[in-house]
Amino acid sequence: VSNIKFDVSDSINTKLVRSSPGGLLLPFCLSAGQTNSFTISLSLQSIYISQKLRGSVTYFIDNPDGGKDEKIINFSLPLNLALFIVSAPCSESQFTELIASNSLGAAGSISLP
């Protein structure tokens, strides 16, 4: 497997961090039975709803005639909003101050019996 290229379609809020336009050419080839890994970085401007990042991996394999065949794997990477929620402890006084500050973008209430 050679010329492995990873590419995603950027959305309004999510972009693949690239050093140049186009897909990322992975810096390795794979022989039969060999494995490797590669880390990508995404830049998130904001995430208010869950999104799907769509992309493809393109690669070439040697065929029996001595040539190369191009293969493409399309994928969809779900970016669930819950992945980006981080809990933090909040004292009663901090919570009261936060509610009173009117800096929250949304609010809700619930009454328990």
PDB file of N, CA and C in Angstrom:
ATOM      1  N   VAL A   1       0.862  -1.163   0.000  1.00  0.00           N
ATOM      2  CA  VAL A   1       0.000   0.000   0.000  1.00  0.00           C
ATOM      3  C   VAL A   1       0.908   1.226   0.000  1.00  0.00           C
ATOM      4  N   SER A   2       0.700   2.122  -0.938  1.00  0.00           N
ATOM      5  CA  SER A   2       1.547   3.309  -1.040  1.00  0.00           C
ATOM      6  C   SER A   2       0.706   4.539  -1.359  1.00  0.00           C
ATOM      7  N   ASN A   3       1.329   5.702  -1.258  1.00  0.00           N
ATOM      8  CA  ASN A   3       0.667   6.980  -1.536  1.00  0.00           C
ATOM      9  C   ASN A   3      -0.662   7.098  -0.794  1.00  0.00           C
ATOM     10  N   ILE A   4      -0.624   6.895   0.516  1.00  0.00           N
ATOM     11  CA  ILE A   4      -1.840   6.949   1.332  1.00  0.00           C
ATOM     12  C   ILE A   4      -2.165   8.412   1.606  1.00  0.00           C
ATOM     13  N   LYS A   5      -3.361   8.826   1.200  1.00  0.00           N
ATOM     14  CA  LYS A   5      -3.772  10.222   1.340  1.00  0.00           C
ATOM     15  C   LYS A   5      -5.067  10.290   2.143  1.00  0.00           C
ATOM     16  N   PHE A   6      -5.060  11.102   3.185  1.00  0.00           N
ATOM     17  CA  PHE A   6      -6.208  11.288   4.073  1.00  0.00           C
ATOM     18  C   PHE A   6      -6.786  12.668   3.797  1.00  0.00           C
ATOM     19  N   ASP A   7      -8.104  12.741   3.578  1.00  0.00           N
ATOM     20  CA  ASP A   7      -8.728  14.041   3.321  1.00  0.00           C
ATOM     21  C   ASP A   7     -10.109  14.085   3.943  1.00  0.00           C
ATOM     22  N   VAL A   8     -10.499  15.246   4.418  1.00  0.00           N
ATOM     23  CA  VAL A   8     -11.846  15.452   4.949  1.00  0.00           C
ATOM     24  C   VAL A   8     -12.437  16.698   4.317  1.00  0.00           C
ATOM     25  N   SER A   9     -13.755  16.718   4.269  1.00  0.00           N
ATOM     26  CA  SER A   9     -14.472  17.904   3.819  1.00  0.00           C
ATOM     27  C   SER A   9     -14.720  18.761   5.048  1.00  0.00           C
ATOM     28  N   ASP A  10     -14.119  19.932   5.082  1.00  0.00           N
ATOM     29  CA  ASP A  10     -14.303  20.822   6.221  1.00  0.00           C
ATOM     30  C   ASP A  10     -15.750  21.285   6.289  1.00  0.00           C
ATOM     31  N   SER A  11     -16.246  21.434   7.516  1.00  0.00           N
ATOM     32  CA  SER A  11     -17.570  22.012   7.708  1.00  0.00           C
ATOM     33  C   SER A  11     -17.373  23.471   8.126  1.00  0.00           C
ATOM     34  N   ILE A  12     -18.442  24.162   8.389  1.00  0.00           N
ATOM     35  CA  ILE A  12     -18.346  25.562   8.796  1.00  0.00           C
ATOM     36  C   ILE A  12     -17.548  25.697  10.087  1.00  0.00           C
ATOM     37  N   ASN A  13     -17.762  24.782  11.031  1.00  0.00           N
ATOM     38  CA  ASN A  13     -17.142  24.891  12.349  1.00  0.00           C
ATOM     39  C   ASN A  13     -15.963  23.958  12.575  1.00  0.00           C
ATOM     40  N   THR A  14     -15.776  22.955  11.734  1.00  0.00           N
ATOM     41  CA  THR A  14     -14.743  21.948  11.954  1.00  0.00           C
ATOM     42  C   THR A  14     -13.832  21.868  10.743  1.00  0.00           C
ATOM     43  N   LYS A  15     -12.531  21.979  10.986  1.00  0.00           N
ATOM     44  CA  LYS A  15     -11.572  21.944   9.894  1.00  0.00           C
ATOM     45  C   LYS A  15     -10.386  21.055  10.262  1.00  0.00           C
ATOM     46  N   LEU A  16      -9.884  20.336   9.279  1.00  0.00           N
ATOM     47  CA  LEU A  16      -8.662  19.563   9.436  1.00  0.00           C
ATOM     48  C   LEU A  16      -7.489  20.538   9.445  1.00  0.00           C
ATOM     49  N   VAL A  17      -6.593  20.415  10.417  1.00  0.00           N
ATOM     50  CA  VAL A  17      -5.426  21.290  10.476  1.00  0.00           C
ATOM     51  C   VAL A  17      -4.444  20.809   9.409  1.00  0.00           C
ATOM     52  N   ARG A  18      -4.169  21.671   8.437  1.00  0.00           N
ATOM     53  CA  ARG A  18      -3.321  21.310   7.294  1.00  0.00           C
ATOM     54  C   ARG A  18      -2.142  22.272   7.201  1.00  0.00           C
ATOM     55  N   SER A  19      -1.025  21.769   6.722  1.00  0.00           N
ATOM     56  CA  SER A  19       0.113  22.653   6.469  1.00  0.00           C
ATOM     57  C   SER A  19       0.036  23.230   5.063  1.00  0.00           C
ATOM     58  N   SER A  20      -0.738  22.591   4.185  1.00  0.00           N
ATOM     59  CA  SER A  20      -0.948  23.086   2.829  1.00  0.00           C
ATOM     60  C   SER A  20      -2.329  22.628   2.373  1.00  0.00           C
ATOM     61  N   PRO A  21      -2.904  23.269   1.350  1.00  0.00           N
ATOM     62  CA  PRO A  21      -4.238  22.888   0.874  1.00  0.00           C
ATOM     63  C   PRO A  21      -4.272  21.440   0.379  1.00  0.00           C
ATOM     64  N   GLY A  22      -5.437  20.841   0.463  1.00  0.00           N
ATOM     65  CA  GLY A  22      -5.606  19.473  -0.020  1.00  0.00           C
ATOM     66  C   GLY A  22      -5.492  18.457   1.094  1.00  0.00           C
ATOM     67  N   GLY A  23      -5.411  17.205   0.710  1.00  0.00           N
ATOM     68  CA  GLY A  23      -5.340  16.118   1.680  1.00  0.00           C
ATOM     69  C   GLY A  23      -3.966  15.985   2.313  1.00  0.00           C
ATOM     70  N   LEU A  24      -3.912  15.154   3.335  1.00  0.00           N
ATOM     71  CA  LEU A  24      -2.651  14.872   4.019  1.00  0.00           C
ATOM     72  C   LEU A  24      -2.051  13.596   3.448  1.00  0.00           C
ATOM     73  N   LEU A  25      -0.861  13.689   2.876  1.00  0.00           N
ATOM     74  CA  LEU A  25      -0.158  12.509   2.380  1.00  0.00           C
ATOM     75  C   LEU A  25       0.574  11.898   3.563  1.00  0.00           C
ATOM     76  N   LEU A  26       0.216  10.672   3.917  1.00  0.00           N
ATOM     77  CA  LEU A  26       0.824  10.034   5.081  1.00  0.00           C
ATOM     78  C   LEU A  26       2.280   9.683   4.787  1.00  0.00           C
ATOM     79  N   PRO A  27       3.150   9.858   5.797  1.00  0.00           N
ATOM     80  CA  PRO A  27       4.590   9.712   5.561  1.00  0.00           C
ATOM     81  C   PRO A  27       5.101   8.267   5.616  1.00  0.00           C
ATOM     82  N   PHE A  28       4.290   7.313   5.193  1.00  0.00           N
ATOM     83  CA  PHE A  28       4.737   5.927   5.217  1.00  0.00           C
ATOM     84  C   PHE A  28       3.977   5.101   4.188  1.00  0.00           C
ATOM     85  N   CYS A  29       4.540   3.936   3.848  1.00  0.00           N
ATOM     86  CA  CYS A  29       3.889   2.925   3.018  1.00  0.00           C
ATOM     87  C   CYS A  29       3.716   1.694   3.885  1.00  0.00           C
ATOM     88  N   LEU A  30       2.845   0.795   3.473  1.00  0.00           N
ATOM     89  CA  LEU A  30       2.595  -0.423   4.244  1.00  0.00           C
ATOM     90  C   LEU A  30       2.861  -1.653   3.385  1.00  0.00           C
ATOM     91  N   SER A  31       3.655  -2.564   3.910  1.00  0.00           N
ATOM     92  CA  SER A  31       3.867  -3.856   3.269  1.00  0.00           C
ATOM     93  C   SER A  31       2.815  -4.824   3.794  1.00  0.00           C
ATOM     94  N   ALA A  32       2.679  -5.984   3.162  1.00  0.00           N
ATOM     95  CA  ALA A  32       1.702  -6.985   3.596  1.00  0.00           C
ATOM     96  C   ALA A  32       1.926  -7.341   5.060  1.00  0.00           C
ATOM     97  N   GLY A  33       0.868  -7.312   5.862  1.00  0.00           N
ATOM     98  CA  GLY A  33       0.935  -7.670   7.273  1.00  0.00           C
ATOM     99  C   GLY A  33       1.447  -6.564   8.183  1.00  0.00           C
ATOM    100  N   GLN A  34       1.861  -5.443   7.636  1.00  0.00           N
ATOM    101  CA  GLN A  34       2.408  -4.345   8.435  1.00  0.00           C
ATOM    102  C   GLN A  34       1.292  -3.393   8.867  1.00  0.00           C
ATOM    103  N   THR A  35       1.436  -2.814  10.053  1.00  0.00           N
ATOM    104  CA  THR A  35       0.480  -1.812  10.537  1.00  0.00           C
ATOM    105  C   THR A  35       1.243  -0.545  10.921  1.00  0.00           C
ATOM    106  N   ASN A  36       0.524   0.550  10.983  1.00  0.00           N
ATOM    107  CA  ASN A  36       1.096   1.824  11.397  1.00  0.00           C
ATOM    108  C   ASN A  36      -0.046   2.708  11.844  1.00  0.00           C
ATOM    109  N   SER A  37       0.256   3.837  12.456  1.00  0.00           N
ATOM    110  CA  SER A  37      -0.789   4.769  12.877  1.00  0.00           C
ATOM    111  C   SER A  37      -0.343   6.187  12.564  1.00  0.00           C
ATOM    112  N   PHE A  38      -1.320   7.079  12.509  1.00  0.00           N
ATOM    113  CA  PHE A  38      -1.063   8.477  12.185  1.00  0.00           C
ATOM    114  C   PHE A  38      -2.083   9.316  12.932  1.00  0.00           C
ATOM    115  N   THR A  39      -1.647  10.361  13.586  1.00  0.00           N
ATOM    116  CA  THR A  39      -2.536  11.222  14.346  1.00  0.00           C
ATOM    117  C   THR A  39      -2.881  12.462  13.532  1.00  0.00           C
ATOM    118  N   ILE A  40      -4.164  12.817  13.506  1.00  0.00           N
ATOM    119  CA  ILE A  40      -4.603  14.034  12.815  1.00  0.00           C
ATOM    120  C   ILE A  40      -5.067  15.045  13.864  1.00  0.00           C
ATOM    121  N   SER A  41      -5.083  16.297  13.494  1.00  0.00           N
ATOM    122  CA  SER A  41      -5.569  17.354  14.376  1.00  0.00           C
ATOM    123  C   SER A  41      -6.729  18.063  13.701  1.00  0.00           C
ATOM    124  N   LEU A  42      -7.777  18.302  14.479  1.00  0.00           N
ATOM    125  CA  LEU A  42      -8.939  19.034  13.993  1.00  0.00           C
ATOM    126  C   LEU A  42      -9.047  20.336  14.759  1.00  0.00           C
ATOM    127  N   SER A  43      -9.500  21.357  14.087  1.00  0.00           N
ATOM    128  CA  SER A  43      -9.728  22.646  14.724  1.00  0.00           C
ATOM    129  C   SER A  43     -11.231  22.865  14.796  1.00  0.00           C
ATOM    130  N   LEU A  44     -11.740  23.061  16.005  1.00  0.00           N
ATOM    131  CA  LEU A  44     -13.163  23.300  16.200  1.00  0.00           C
ATOM    132  C   LEU A  44     -13.375  24.755  16.594  1.00  0.00           C
ATOM    133  N   GLN A  45     -14.116  25.493  15.787  1.00  0.00           N
ATOM    134  CA  GLN A  45     -14.424  26.883  16.117  1.00  0.00           C
ATOM    135  C   GLN A  45     -15.514  26.925  17.183  1.00  0.00           C
ATOM    136  N   SER A  46     -16.561  26.163  16.959  1.00  0.00           N
ATOM    137  CA  SER A  46     -17.654  26.047  17.923  1.00  0.00           C
ATOM    138  C   SER A  46     -18.428  24.791  17.566  1.00  0.00           C
ATOM    139  N   ILE A  47     -19.112  24.249  18.553  1.00  0.00           N
ATOM    140  CA  ILE A  47     -19.921  23.063  18.299  1.00  0.00           C
ATOM    141  C   ILE A  47     -21.180  23.173  19.154  1.00  0.00           C
ATOM    142  N   TYR A  48     -22.280  23.483  18.488  1.00  0.00           N
ATOM    143  CA  TYR A  48     -23.564  23.624  19.170  1.00  0.00           C
ATOM    144  C   TYR A  48     -24.453  22.415  18.939  1.00  0.00           C
ATOM    145  N   ILE A  49     -24.206  21.710  17.848  1.00  0.00           N
ATOM    146  CA  ILE A  49     -24.967  20.503  17.540  1.00  0.00           C
ATOM    147  C   ILE A  49     -23.978  19.423  17.113  1.00  0.00           C
ATOM    148  N   SER A  50     -24.380  18.183  17.249  1.00  0.00           N
ATOM    149  CA  SER A  50     -23.531  17.084  16.794  1.00  0.00           C
ATOM    150  C   SER A  50     -23.350  17.193  15.285  1.00  0.00           C
ATOM    151  N   GLN A  51     -22.177  16.816  14.800  1.00  0.00           N
ATOM    152  CA  GLN A  51     -21.863  16.922  13.383  1.00  0.00           C
ATOM    153  C   GLN A  51     -21.236  15.627  12.893  1.00  0.00           C
ATOM    154  N   LYS A  52     -21.177  15.475  11.584  1.00  0.00           N
ATOM    155  CA  LYS A  52     -20.450  14.362  10.968  1.00  0.00           C
ATOM    156  C   LYS A  52     -19.397  14.953  10.057  1.00  0.00           C
ATOM    157  N   LEU A  53     -18.171  14.565  10.299  1.00  0.00           N
ATOM    158  CA  LEU A  53     -17.073  14.971   9.452  1.00  0.00           C
ATOM    159  C   LEU A  53     -16.907  13.872   8.405  1.00  0.00           C
ATOM    160  N   ARG A  54     -17.008  14.213   7.135  1.00  0.00           N
ATOM    161  CA  ARG A  54     -16.922  13.221   6.062  1.00  0.00           C
ATOM    162  C   ARG A  54     -15.574  13.343   5.354  1.00  0.00           C
ATOM    163  N   GLY A  55     -15.048  12.210   4.941  1.00  0.00           N
ATOM    164  CA  GLY A  55     -13.771  12.242   4.259  1.00  0.00           C
ATOM    165  C   GLY A  55     -13.476  10.948   3.538  1.00  0.00           C
ATOM    166  N   SER A  56     -12.229  10.822   3.131  1.00  0.00           N
ATOM    167  CA  SER A  56     -11.813   9.621   2.407  1.00  0.00           C
ATOM    168  C   SER A  56     -10.326   9.353   2.640  1.00  0.00           C
ATOM    169  N   VAL A  57      -9.976   8.094   2.460  1.00  0.00           N
ATOM    170  CA  VAL A  57      -8.581   7.663   2.441  1.00  0.00           C
ATOM    171  C   VAL A  57      -8.363   7.054   1.060  1.00  0.00           C
ATOM    172  N   THR A  58      -7.399   7.588   0.344  1.00  0.00           N
ATOM    173  CA  THR A  58      -7.061   7.099  -0.990  1.00  0.00           C
ATOM    174  C   THR A  58      -5.677   6.455  -0.923  1.00  0.00           C
ATOM    175  N   TYR A  59      -5.520   5.314  -1.574  1.00  0.00           N
ATOM    176  CA  TYR A  59      -4.222   4.633  -1.557  1.00  0.00           C
ATOM    177  C   TYR A  59      -4.067   3.812  -2.838  1.00  0.00           C
ATOM    178  N   PHE A  60      -2.856   3.365  -3.074  1.00  0.00           N
ATOM    179  CA  PHE A  60      -2.547   2.556  -4.254  1.00  0.00           C
ATOM    180  C   PHE A  60      -2.005   1.209  -3.804  1.00  0.00           C
ATOM    181  N   ILE A  61      -2.409   0.163  -4.522  1.00  0.00           N
ATOM    182  CA  ILE A  61      -1.865  -1.176  -4.277  1.00  0.00           C
ATOM    183  C   ILE A  61      -1.278  -1.695  -5.591  1.00  0.00           C
ATOM    184  N   ASP A  62      -0.252  -2.509  -5.461  1.00  0.00           N
ATOM    185  CA  ASP A  62       0.365  -3.110  -6.644  1.00  0.00           C
ATOM    186  C   ASP A  62      -0.540  -4.215  -7.177  1.00  0.00           C
ATOM    187  N   ASN A  63      -0.751  -4.236  -8.500  1.00  0.00           N
ATOM    188  CA  ASN A  63      -1.548  -5.311  -9.091  1.00  0.00           C
ATOM    189  C   ASN A  63      -0.612  -6.339  -9.735  1.00  0.00           C
ATOM    190  N   PRO A  64      -1.116  -7.515 -10.060  1.00  0.00           N
ATOM    191  CA  PRO A  64      -0.264  -8.592 -10.609  1.00  0.00           C
ATOM    192  C   PRO A  64       0.421  -8.238 -11.933  1.00  0.00           C
ATOM    193  N   ASP A  65      -0.113  -7.258 -12.668  1.00  0.00           N
ATOM    194  CA  ASP A  65       0.474  -6.861 -13.956  1.00  0.00           C
ATOM    195  C   ASP A  65       1.640  -5.893 -13.796  1.00  0.00           C
ATOM    196  N   GLY A  66       1.985  -5.545 -12.545  1.00  0.00           N
ATOM    197  CA  GLY A  66       3.089  -4.612 -12.315  1.00  0.00           C
ATOM    198  C   GLY A  66       2.645  -3.166 -12.206  1.00  0.00           C
ATOM    199  N   GLY A  67       1.367  -2.914 -12.382  1.00  0.00           N
ATOM    200  CA  GLY A  67       0.849  -1.555 -12.266  1.00  0.00           C
ATOM    201  C   GLY A  67       0.324  -1.287 -10.865  1.00  0.00           C
ATOM    202  N   LYS A  68      -0.361  -0.194 -10.726  1.00  0.00           N
ATOM    203  CA  LYS A  68      -0.940   0.182  -9.433  1.00  0.00           C
ATOM    204  C   LYS A  68      -2.423   0.459  -9.609  1.00  0.00           C
ATOM    205  N   ASP A  69      -3.218  -0.007  -8.645  1.00  0.00           N
ATOM    206  CA  ASP A  69      -4.659   0.244  -8.640  1.00  0.00           C
ATOM    207  C   ASP A  69      -4.989   1.219  -7.514  1.00  0.00           C
ATOM    208  N   GLU A  70      -5.789   2.224  -7.840  1.00  0.00           N
ATOM    209  CA  GLU A  70      -6.209   3.200  -6.831  1.00  0.00           C
ATOM    210  C   GLU A  70      -7.435   2.675  -6.089  1.00  0.00           C
ATOM    211  N   LYS A  71      -7.421   2.793  -4.784  1.00  0.00           N
ATOM    212  CA  LYS A  71      -8.544   2.386  -3.936  1.00  0.00           C
ATOM    213  C   LYS A  71      -8.955   3.582  -3.087  1.00  0.00           C
ATOM    214  N   ILE A  72     -10.251   3.698  -2.827  1.00  0.00           N
ATOM    215  CA  ILE A  72     -10.771   4.802  -2.010  1.00  0.00           C
ATOM    216  C   ILE A  72     -11.699   4.237  -0.950  1.00  0.00           C
ATOM    217  N   ILE A  73     -11.492   4.665   0.285  1.00  0.00           N
ATOM    218  CA  ILE A  73     -12.390   4.321   1.393  1.00  0.00           C
ATOM    219  C   ILE A  73     -13.021   5.624   1.883  1.00  0.00           C
ATOM    220  N   ASN A  74     -14.329   5.743   1.732  1.00  0.00           N
ATOM    221  CA  ASN A  74     -15.050   6.899   2.253  1.00  0.00           C
ATOM    222  C   ASN A  74     -15.453   6.623   3.693  1.00  0.00           C
ATOM    223  N   PHE A  75     -15.447   7.649   4.527  1.00  0.00           N
ATOM    224  CA  PHE A  75     -15.823   7.461   5.924  1.00  0.00           C
ATOM    225  C   PHE A  75     -16.584   8.668   6.446  1.00  0.00           C
ATOM    226  N   SER A  76     -17.234   8.452   7.550  1.00  0.00           N
ATOM    227  CA  SER A  76     -17.961   9.500   8.257  1.00  0.00           C
ATOM    228  C   SER A  76     -17.570   9.406   9.724  1.00  0.00           C
ATOM    229  N   LEU A  77     -17.106  10.498  10.291  1.00  0.00           N
ATOM    230  CA  LEU A  77     -16.657  10.543  11.677  1.00  0.00           C
ATOM    231  C   LEU A  77     -17.649  11.370  12.490  1.00  0.00           C
ATOM    232  N   PRO A  78     -18.481  10.704  13.329  1.00  0.00           N
ATOM    233  CA  PRO A  78     -19.445  11.469  14.114  1.00  0.00           C
ATOM    234  C   PRO A  78     -18.752  12.250  15.225  1.00  0.00           C
ATOM    235  N   LEU A  79     -19.081  13.523  15.322  1.00  0.00           N
ATOM    236  CA  LEU A  79     -18.585  14.382  16.398  1.00  0.00           C
ATOM    237  C   LEU A  79     -19.765  14.696  17.303  1.00  0.00           C
ATOM    238  N   ASN A  80     -19.971  13.827  18.276  1.00  0.00           N
ATOM    239  CA  ASN A  80     -21.091  13.965  19.188  1.00  0.00           C
ATOM    240  C   ASN A  80     -20.819  15.113  20.153  1.00  0.00           C
ATOM    241  N   LEU A  81     -21.791  15.956  20.343  1.00  0.00           N
ATOM    242  CA  LEU A  81     -21.660  17.109  21.224  1.00  0.00           C
ATOM    243  C   LEU A  81     -21.221  16.698  22.622  1.00  0.00           C
ATOM    244  N   ALA A  82     -21.669  15.556  23.105  1.00  0.00           N
ATOM    245  CA  ALA A  82     -21.336  15.099  24.460  1.00  0.00           C
ATOM    246  C   ALA A  82     -19.830  14.864  24.637  1.00  0.00           C
ATOM    247  N   LEU A  83     -19.099  14.633  23.546  1.00  0.00           N
ATOM    248  CA  LEU A  83     -17.653  14.427  23.641  1.00  0.00           C
ATOM    249  C   LEU A  83     -16.920  15.682  24.110  1.00  0.00           C
ATOM    250  N   PHE A  84     -17.538  16.842  23.955  1.00  0.00           N
ATOM    251  CA  PHE A  84     -16.878  18.105  24.246  1.00  0.00           C
ATOM    252  C   PHE A  84     -17.340  18.744  25.550  1.00  0.00           C
ATOM    253  N   ILE A  85     -18.201  18.050  26.285  1.00  0.00           N
ATOM    254  CA  ILE A  85     -18.682  18.572  27.557  1.00  0.00           C
ATOM    255  C   ILE A  85     -17.739  18.088  28.660  1.00  0.00           C
ATOM    256  N   VAL A  86     -17.234  19.026  29.406  1.00  0.00           N
ATOM    257  CA  VAL A  86     -16.313  18.709  30.495  1.00  0.00           C
ATOM    258  C   VAL A  86     -16.966  19.161  31.794  1.00  0.00           C
ATOM    259  N   SER A  87     -17.088  18.241  32.729  1.00  0.00           N
ATOM    260  CA  SER A  87     -17.687  18.613  34.004  1.00  0.00           C
ATOM    261  C   SER A  87     -16.640  19.282  34.881  1.00  0.00           C
ATOM    262  N   ALA A  88     -17.115  20.182  35.712  1.00  0.00           N
ATOM    263  CA  ALA A  88     -16.227  20.873  36.640  1.00  0.00           C
ATOM    264  C   ALA A  88     -16.996  21.126  37.929  1.00  0.00           C
ATOM    265  N   PRO A  89     -16.333  20.992  39.061  1.00  0.00           N
ATOM    266  CA  PRO A  89     -17.024  21.259  40.324  1.00  0.00           C
ATOM    267  C   PRO A  89     -17.405  22.737  40.429  1.00  0.00           C
ATOM    268  N   CYS A  90     -18.535  22.980  41.052  1.00  0.00           N
ATOM    269  CA  CYS A  90     -19.041  24.343  41.191  1.00  0.00           C
ATOM    270  C   CYS A  90     -19.702  24.449  42.565  1.00  0.00           C
ATOM    271  N   SER A  91     -19.215  25.372  43.353  1.00  0.00           N
ATOM    272  CA  SER A  91     -19.802  25.546  44.685  1.00  0.00           C
ATOM    273  C   SER A  91     -21.152  26.255  44.562  1.00  0.00           C
ATOM    274  N   GLU A  92     -21.906  26.239  45.634  1.00  0.00           N
ATOM    275  CA  GLU A  92     -23.216  26.897  45.636  1.00  0.00           C
ATOM    276  C   GLU A  92     -23.073  28.386  45.352  1.00  0.00           C
ATOM    277  N   SER A  93     -22.077  29.023  45.920  1.00  0.00           N
ATOM    278  CA  SER A  93     -21.896  30.467  45.691  1.00  0.00           C
ATOM    279  C   SER A  93     -21.460  30.750  44.248  1.00  0.00           C
ATOM    280  N   GLN A  94     -20.605  29.895  43.671  1.00  0.00           N
ATOM    281  CA  GLN A  94     -20.212  30.063  42.271  1.00  0.00           C
ATOM    282  C   GLN A  94     -21.415  29.890  41.345  1.00  0.00           C
ATOM    283  N   PHE A  95     -22.258  28.894  41.652  1.00  0.00           N
ATOM    284  CA  PHE A  95     -23.453  28.647  40.845  1.00  0.00           C
ATOM    285  C   PHE A  95     -24.399  29.846  40.929  1.00  0.00           C
ATOM    286  N   THR A  96     -24.609  30.367  42.115  1.00  0.00           N
ATOM    287  CA  THR A  96     -25.481  31.531  42.306  1.00  0.00           C
ATOM    288  C   THR A  96     -24.948  32.727  41.521  1.00  0.00           C
ATOM    289  N   GLU A  97     -23.641  32.951  41.593  1.00  0.00           N
ATOM    290  CA  GLU A  97     -23.013  34.061  40.861  1.00  0.00           C
ATOM    291  C   GLU A  97     -23.171  33.887  39.358  1.00  0.00           C
ATOM    292  N   LEU A  98     -22.992  32.667  38.870  1.00  0.00           N
ATOM    293  CA  LEU A  98     -23.128  32.381  37.442  1.00  0.00           C
ATOM    294  C   LEU A  98     -24.553  32.648  36.963  1.00  0.00           C
ATOM    295  N   ILE A  99     -25.541  32.192  37.722  1.00  0.00           N
ATOM    296  CA  ILE A  99     -26.939  32.409  37.344  1.00  0.00           C
ATOM    297  C   ILE A  99     -27.271  33.904  37.369  1.00  0.00           C
ATOM    298  N   ALA A 100     -26.791  34.620  38.379  1.00  0.00           N
ATOM    299  CA  ALA A 100     -27.090  36.042  38.521  1.00  0.00           C
ATOM    300  C   ALA A 100     -26.387  36.905  37.477  1.00  0.00           C
ATOM    301  N   SER A 101     -25.309  36.402  36.888  1.00  0.00           N
ATOM    302  CA  SER A 101     -24.513  37.215  35.958  1.00  0.00           C
ATOM    303  C   SER A 101     -25.160  37.399  34.590  1.00  0.00           C
ATOM    304  N   ASN A 102     -26.175  36.622  34.260  1.00  0.00           N
ATOM    305  CA  ASN A 102     -26.817  36.662  32.943  1.00  0.00           C
ATOM    306  C   ASN A 102     -25.839  36.380  31.797  1.00  0.00           C
ATOM    307  N   SER A 103     -24.749  35.663  32.064  1.00  0.00           N
ATOM    308  CA  SER A 103     -23.785  35.334  31.024  1.00  0.00           C
ATOM    309  C   SER A 103     -24.051  33.993  30.369  1.00  0.00           C
ATOM    310  N   LEU A 104     -25.068  33.278  30.817  1.00  0.00           N
ATOM    311  CA  LEU A 104     -25.404  31.998  30.224  1.00  0.00           C
ATOM    312  C   LEU A 104     -26.196  32.206  28.935  1.00  0.00           C
ATOM    313  N   GLY A 105     -25.890  31.417  27.928  1.00  0.00           N
ATOM    314  CA  GLY A 105     -26.595  31.528  26.657  1.00  0.00           C
ATOM    315  C   GLY A 105     -27.968  30.886  26.691  1.00  0.00           C
ATOM    316  N   ALA A 106     -28.199  29.986  27.594  1.00  0.00           N
ATOM    317  CA  ALA A 106     -29.490  29.303  27.697  1.00  0.00           C
ATOM    318  C   ALA A 106     -29.700  28.920  29.157  1.00  0.00           C
ATOM    319  N   ALA A 107     -30.939  28.792  29.539  1.00  0.00           N
ATOM    320  CA  ALA A 107     -31.257  28.414  30.900  1.00  0.00           C
ATOM    321  C   ALA A 107     -32.512  27.552  30.895  1.00  0.00           C
ATOM    322  N   GLY A 108     -32.712  26.800  31.922  1.00  0.00           N
ATOM    323  CA  GLY A 108     -33.895  25.953  32.058  1.00  0.00           C
ATOM    324  C   GLY A 108     -34.126  25.668  33.522  1.00  0.00           C
ATOM    325  N   SER A 109     -35.288  25.152  33.804  1.00  0.00           N
ATOM    326  CA  SER A 109     -35.585  24.802  35.192  1.00  0.00           C
ATOM    327  C   SER A 109     -36.418  23.533  35.218  1.00  0.00           C
ATOM    328  N   ILE A 110     -36.434  22.905  36.360  1.00  0.00           N
ATOM    329  CA  ILE A 110     -37.220  21.698  36.548  1.00  0.00           C
ATOM    330  C   ILE A 110     -37.695  21.681  37.992  1.00  0.00           C
ATOM    331  N   SER A 111     -38.906  21.246  38.175  1.00  0.00           N
ATOM    332  CA  SER A 111     -39.463  21.129  39.544  1.00  0.00           C
ATOM    333  C   SER A 111     -39.602  19.660  39.854  1.00  0.00           C
ATOM    334  N   LEU A 112     -39.088  19.276  41.000  1.00  0.00           N
ATOM    335  CA  LEU A 112     -39.194  17.894  41.444  1.00  0.00           C
ATOM    336  C   LEU A 112     -40.276  17.783  42.515  1.00  0.00           C
ATOM    337  N   PRO A 113     -41.075  16.710  42.489  1.00  0.00           N
ATOM    338  CA  PRO A 113     -42.134  16.567  43.490  1.00  0.00           C
ATOM    339  C   PRO A 113     -41.577  16.337  44.877  1.00  0.00           C
TER     340      PRO A 113
END
